[in-house]
Amino acid sequence: MSLPPPLPHRVEIEHLVRRAIYQRTGRSLPFTARAPNPLLVNISARHCHLTPAAVEALFGQGAKLTPMKWLYQKDQFAAKETVTLIGPRSRVISNLRILGPCRDLNQIELALTDSIALGFDIPIRASANIAGTPGCMLMGPAGFFEMKEGVIRAAPHVHMHPDDAAFYGVKAGEYLRLRIGGPCATTFDRMLVRIHADFKLEVHIDTDEGNACALQPDTTVELLK
C-alpha cells in the first residue's frame, strides 16, 4: 500500500497565515514574513542512503525500499527497511534507517557520538563527497554488503529553492549563519548552501548539534548572511 500524499507542514501554514495577518492589518512585513518560503530546521538522525544494488544485496533480489513516512523534501521518505552497521572492532548500530529513494552512491551519515561509539574517525563532509572516507559492513536479512567508503558526519547545511537563494543573496556552495534562540541560544557560522528547484527551505543538523542547542518545534530560528 502506498502512502497518501504528504499534507502541508505546520511551518508552511503558519507562514501563509502570518503574511495574511500582516497584509490585512496594513503593517510592514518583518524579514521572516517577507521571505518567499518558511524556514524549517530539522534534526537529521543517523541514517543511510543506498544504491539499488546494495538494497538487493541486503534484502534479496528484486527488493525495493518501502516508504514508511514522507520527509519534508519532495519525494524523500524514511523507508520501513533498516540495516545493521558493523563498525571497527565489530561494534554495531542496529536498526539504522534507510532513506529513499535509492541513490547512485552509498552513504552513511552519523553524529559524532555515533562515530565514537563505533570506533570511527570520520570527517565532516558535504553529501556525496565521500572520497577517502571510511567504509563499513552492512548486514540485512538477506546478506552482507561491504562499503569501501561513504561513512561521514554530514556538514550542517540548508536546502534552498532558487527563490530562497535569491532572497538571501547566496549561491550553491556558499555559507549562511543560522541563529537558534531559546535557553541554549546558538549560532552556527558555517551552514552550507545547497540549491535545487525541487528543494524546500530546510536546515539539517545532526542529533548532537540539535541537542546542544535544545532545538524544539517552537524554537525561534533565523538565517543570516
Protein backbone atom coordinates (compact mmCIF):
# COMPACT_ATOMS: atom_id res chain seq x y z
CA MET A 1 0.00 0.00 0.00
CA SER A 2 1.43 3.40 -0.99
CA LEU A 3 1.48 6.36 1.37
CA PRO A 4 -1.10 9.14 0.86
CA PRO A 5 0.36 12.43 -0.38
CA PRO A 6 2.00 14.48 2.39
CA LEU A 7 -0.07 17.27 3.93
CA PRO A 8 1.31 20.84 4.13
CA HIS A 9 3.73 21.19 7.02
CA ARG A 10 2.83 23.31 10.05
CA VAL A 11 5.50 25.91 9.23
CA GLU A 12 4.09 26.36 5.72
CA ILE A 13 0.59 27.03 7.06
CA GLU A 14 1.90 29.40 9.76
CA HIS A 15 3.92 31.32 7.16
CA LEU A 16 0.84 31.91 4.99
CA VAL A 17 -1.29 32.92 7.98
CA ARG A 18 1.38 35.33 9.26
CA ARG A 19 1.69 37.03 5.86
CA ALA A 20 -2.10 37.32 5.57
CA ILE A 21 -2.40 38.90 9.03
CA TYR A 22 0.27 41.50 8.34
CA GLN A 23 -1.21 42.34 4.95
CA ARG A 24 -4.77 42.57 6.33
CA THR A 25 -3.71 44.91 9.14
CA GLY A 26 -1.57 47.04 6.83
CA ARG A 27 1.60 46.51 8.84
CA SER A 28 5.01 46.16 7.20
CA LEU A 29 6.13 42.58 6.82
CA PRO A 30 9.08 41.60 9.03
CA PHE A 31 12.09 39.95 7.41
CA THR A 32 10.97 36.38 8.05
CA ALA A 33 7.49 37.09 6.65
CA ARG A 34 8.98 38.72 3.53
CA ALA A 35 10.85 35.52 2.72
CA PRO A 36 9.26 33.56 -0.14
CA ASN A 37 9.15 30.38 1.94
CA PRO A 38 9.17 29.45 5.64
CA LEU A 39 12.33 28.17 7.30
CA LEU A 40 12.26 24.73 8.89
CA VAL A 41 15.17 23.40 10.97
CA ASN A 42 15.16 19.63 11.36
CA ILE A 43 17.40 17.27 13.28
CA SER A 44 18.67 14.58 10.94
CA ALA A 45 19.25 11.38 12.93
CA ARG A 46 21.77 8.79 11.79
CA HIS A 47 20.71 7.12 8.56
CA CYS A 48 21.95 5.70 5.27
CA HIS A 49 21.38 6.18 1.55
CA LEU A 50 21.80 3.10 -0.64
CA THR A 51 22.03 2.15 -4.30
CA PRO A 52 19.56 -0.34 -5.80
CA ALA A 53 22.39 -2.93 -5.93
CA ALA A 54 23.05 -2.51 -2.19
CA VAL A 55 19.34 -2.87 -1.40
CA GLU A 56 19.18 -6.13 -3.36
CA ALA A 57 22.33 -7.47 -1.67
CA LEU A 58 20.85 -6.76 1.77
CA PHE A 59 17.18 -7.60 1.21
CA GLY A 60 17.15 -10.04 -1.72
CA GLN A 61 16.94 -9.97 -5.49
CA GLY A 62 14.32 -7.54 -6.75
CA ALA A 63 13.91 -5.89 -3.35
CA LYS A 64 12.85 -2.25 -3.29
CA LEU A 65 12.52 0.29 -0.50
CA THR A 66 9.08 0.63 1.09
CA PRO A 67 8.05 4.19 2.08
CA MET A 68 7.10 4.43 5.75
CA LYS A 69 7.00 8.20 6.28
CA TRP A 70 7.30 11.17 3.95
CA LEU A 71 10.07 13.64 4.72
CA TYR A 72 9.87 17.39 4.18
CA GLN A 73 11.81 17.43 0.90
CA LYS A 74 9.92 16.44 -2.24
CA ASP A 75 9.62 12.67 -2.84
CA GLN A 76 12.01 11.84 0.04
CA PHE A 77 10.95 9.23 2.57
CA ALA A 78 12.04 7.16 5.54
CA ALA A 79 11.84 3.53 4.49
CA LYS A 80 10.47 0.67 6.54
CA GLU A 81 13.71 -1.18 5.90
CA THR A 82 16.64 -0.91 8.31
CA VAL A 83 20.12 -2.42 8.40
CA THR A 84 22.78 -3.22 10.96
CA LEU A 85 26.01 -1.25 10.67
CA ILE A 86 29.16 -3.10 11.72
CA GLY A 87 31.99 -0.71 12.52
CA PRO A 88 35.59 -1.08 13.64
CA ARG A 89 36.28 -3.72 16.29
CA SER A 90 32.88 -5.28 15.45
CA ARG A 91 30.89 -2.59 17.23
CA VAL A 92 27.39 -2.28 15.77
CA ILE A 93 24.39 0.00 15.36
CA SER A 94 21.17 -1.91 14.84
CA ASN A 95 18.07 -0.67 13.03
CA LEU A 96 19.86 2.01 11.01
CA ARG A 97 17.12 3.64 8.96
CA ILE A 98 17.37 3.79 5.17
CA LEU A 99 16.16 6.96 3.47
CA GLY A 100 14.74 6.72 -0.02
CA PRO A 101 14.54 6.78 -2.89
CA CYS A 102 17.72 4.95 -3.84
CA ARG A 103 20.75 6.99 -4.89
CA ASP A 104 23.70 6.41 -7.17
CA LEU A 105 26.14 6.02 -4.25
CA ASN A 106 26.11 4.51 -0.79
CA GLN A 107 26.46 6.90 2.13
CA ILE A 108 26.02 6.67 5.89
CA GLU A 109 25.56 9.81 7.99
CA LEU A 110 26.42 9.64 11.68
CA ALA A 111 26.71 12.11 14.54
CA LEU A 112 30.00 12.46 16.43
CA THR A 113 28.75 10.42 19.39
CA ASP A 114 27.73 7.62 17.00
CA SER A 115 31.17 7.57 15.42
CA ILE A 116 32.91 7.49 18.81
CA ALA A 117 30.72 4.61 19.99
CA LEU A 118 31.55 2.66 16.83
CA GLY A 119 35.26 3.44 16.92
CA PHE A 120 35.19 5.53 13.72
CA ASP A 121 37.25 8.60 12.94
CA ILE A 122 35.09 10.18 10.25
CA PRO A 123 35.32 13.58 8.54
CA ILE A 124 32.70 16.29 8.19
CA ARG A 125 31.67 16.28 4.54
CA ALA A 126 29.02 17.60 2.21
CA SER A 127 26.67 14.91 0.95
CA ALA A 128 28.15 12.80 -1.89
CA ASN A 129 31.70 13.98 -1.14
CA ILE A 130 32.84 10.59 0.12
CA ALA A 131 36.27 10.13 -1.48
CA GLY A 132 38.77 8.95 1.12
CA THR A 133 36.17 8.40 3.86
CA PRO A 134 35.97 5.22 5.98
CA GLY A 135 33.91 2.25 4.90
CA CYS A 136 31.96 -0.33 6.88
CA MET A 137 29.96 -3.52 6.63
CA LEU A 138 26.16 -3.53 6.47
CA MET A 139 24.01 -6.53 7.37
CA GLY A 140 20.45 -7.11 6.22
CA PRO A 141 18.02 -10.02 6.35
CA ALA A 142 19.32 -11.45 3.06
CA GLY A 143 23.06 -10.86 3.34
CA PHE A 144 26.01 -8.54 3.84
CA PHE A 145 27.16 -5.52 1.85
CA GLU A 146 30.64 -4.03 2.19
CA MET A 147 31.08 -0.30 1.71
CA LYS A 148 34.65 0.63 0.82
CA GLU A 149 33.94 4.27 1.70
CA GLY A 150 31.00 6.54 2.47
CA VAL A 151 30.72 6.96 6.25
CA ILE A 152 30.59 10.69 7.08
CA ARG A 153 29.46 13.33 9.51
CA ALA A 154 27.20 15.49 7.35
CA ALA A 155 28.14 19.15 7.27
CA PRO A 156 25.33 21.35 8.65
CA HIS A 157 23.51 22.53 5.54
CA VAL A 158 20.47 24.32 4.23
CA HIS A 159 18.33 23.18 1.29
CA MET A 160 17.14 26.16 -0.76
CA HIS A 161 14.90 26.76 -3.75
CA PRO A 162 16.42 29.26 -6.21
CA ASP A 163 13.87 31.84 -4.96
CA ASP A 164 15.19 31.39 -1.42
CA ALA A 165 18.79 31.72 -2.62
CA ALA A 166 17.94 34.97 -4.41
CA PHE A 167 16.20 36.34 -1.30
CA TYR A 168 19.16 35.56 0.95
CA GLY A 169 21.71 36.54 -1.71
CA VAL A 170 23.73 33.31 -1.80
CA LYS A 171 24.95 30.74 -4.31
CA ALA A 172 25.40 26.99 -4.01
CA GLY A 173 28.49 26.11 -2.00
CA GLU A 174 28.47 29.36 -0.03
CA TYR A 175 27.64 29.61 3.66
CA LEU A 176 24.94 31.23 5.77
CA ARG A 177 24.71 31.63 9.53
CA LEU A 178 21.87 30.04 11.47
CA ARG A 179 20.76 31.72 14.68
CA ILE A 180 18.80 29.50 17.06
CA GLY A 181 17.02 31.05 20.02
CA GLY A 182 15.77 29.57 23.27
CA PRO A 183 17.52 28.78 26.56
CA CYS A 184 20.60 27.38 24.78
CA ALA A 185 20.75 30.04 22.07
CA THR A 186 23.39 29.16 19.49
CA THR A 187 24.65 30.46 16.16
CA PHE A 188 26.03 28.11 13.52
CA ASP A 189 28.51 30.06 11.39
CA ARG A 190 29.02 27.57 8.52
CA MET A 191 25.66 26.48 7.15
CA LEU A 192 26.45 25.05 3.71
CA VAL A 193 24.06 26.23 0.98
CA ARG A 194 22.56 23.63 -1.37
CA ILE A 195 20.22 24.82 -4.14
CA HIS A 196 17.79 22.91 -6.34
CA ALA A 197 14.47 23.70 -7.99
CA ASP A 198 12.80 20.87 -6.03
CA PHE A 199 14.14 21.96 -2.62
CA LYS A 200 12.11 23.46 0.20
CA LEU A 201 13.84 25.81 2.64
CA GLU A 202 15.11 23.41 5.29
CA VAL A 203 18.18 23.21 7.52
CA HIS A 204 19.60 19.85 8.55
CA ILE A 205 21.69 19.49 11.70
CA ASP A 206 22.58 16.20 13.38
CA THR A 207 21.44 14.89 16.75
CA ASP A 208 24.49 16.18 18.63
CA GLU A 209 24.03 19.66 17.20
CA GLY A 210 20.28 19.64 17.85
CA ASN A 211 20.73 18.51 21.46
CA ALA A 212 23.44 21.12 22.08
CA CYS A 213 21.06 23.97 21.21
CA ALA A 214 17.96 22.31 22.77
CA LEU A 215 16.06 22.62 19.50
CA GLN A 216 12.27 22.30 19.87
CA PRO A 217 9.42 22.74 17.35
CA ASP A 218 8.69 26.23 18.73
CA THR A 219 12.33 27.39 18.97
CA THR A 220 12.94 30.62 17.04
CA VAL A 221 15.31 30.24 14.08
CA GLU A 222 16.76 32.74 11.62
CA LEU A 223 19.11 32.54 8.64
CA LEU A 224 21.68 35.35 8.39
CA LYS A 225 24.10 36.33 5.62
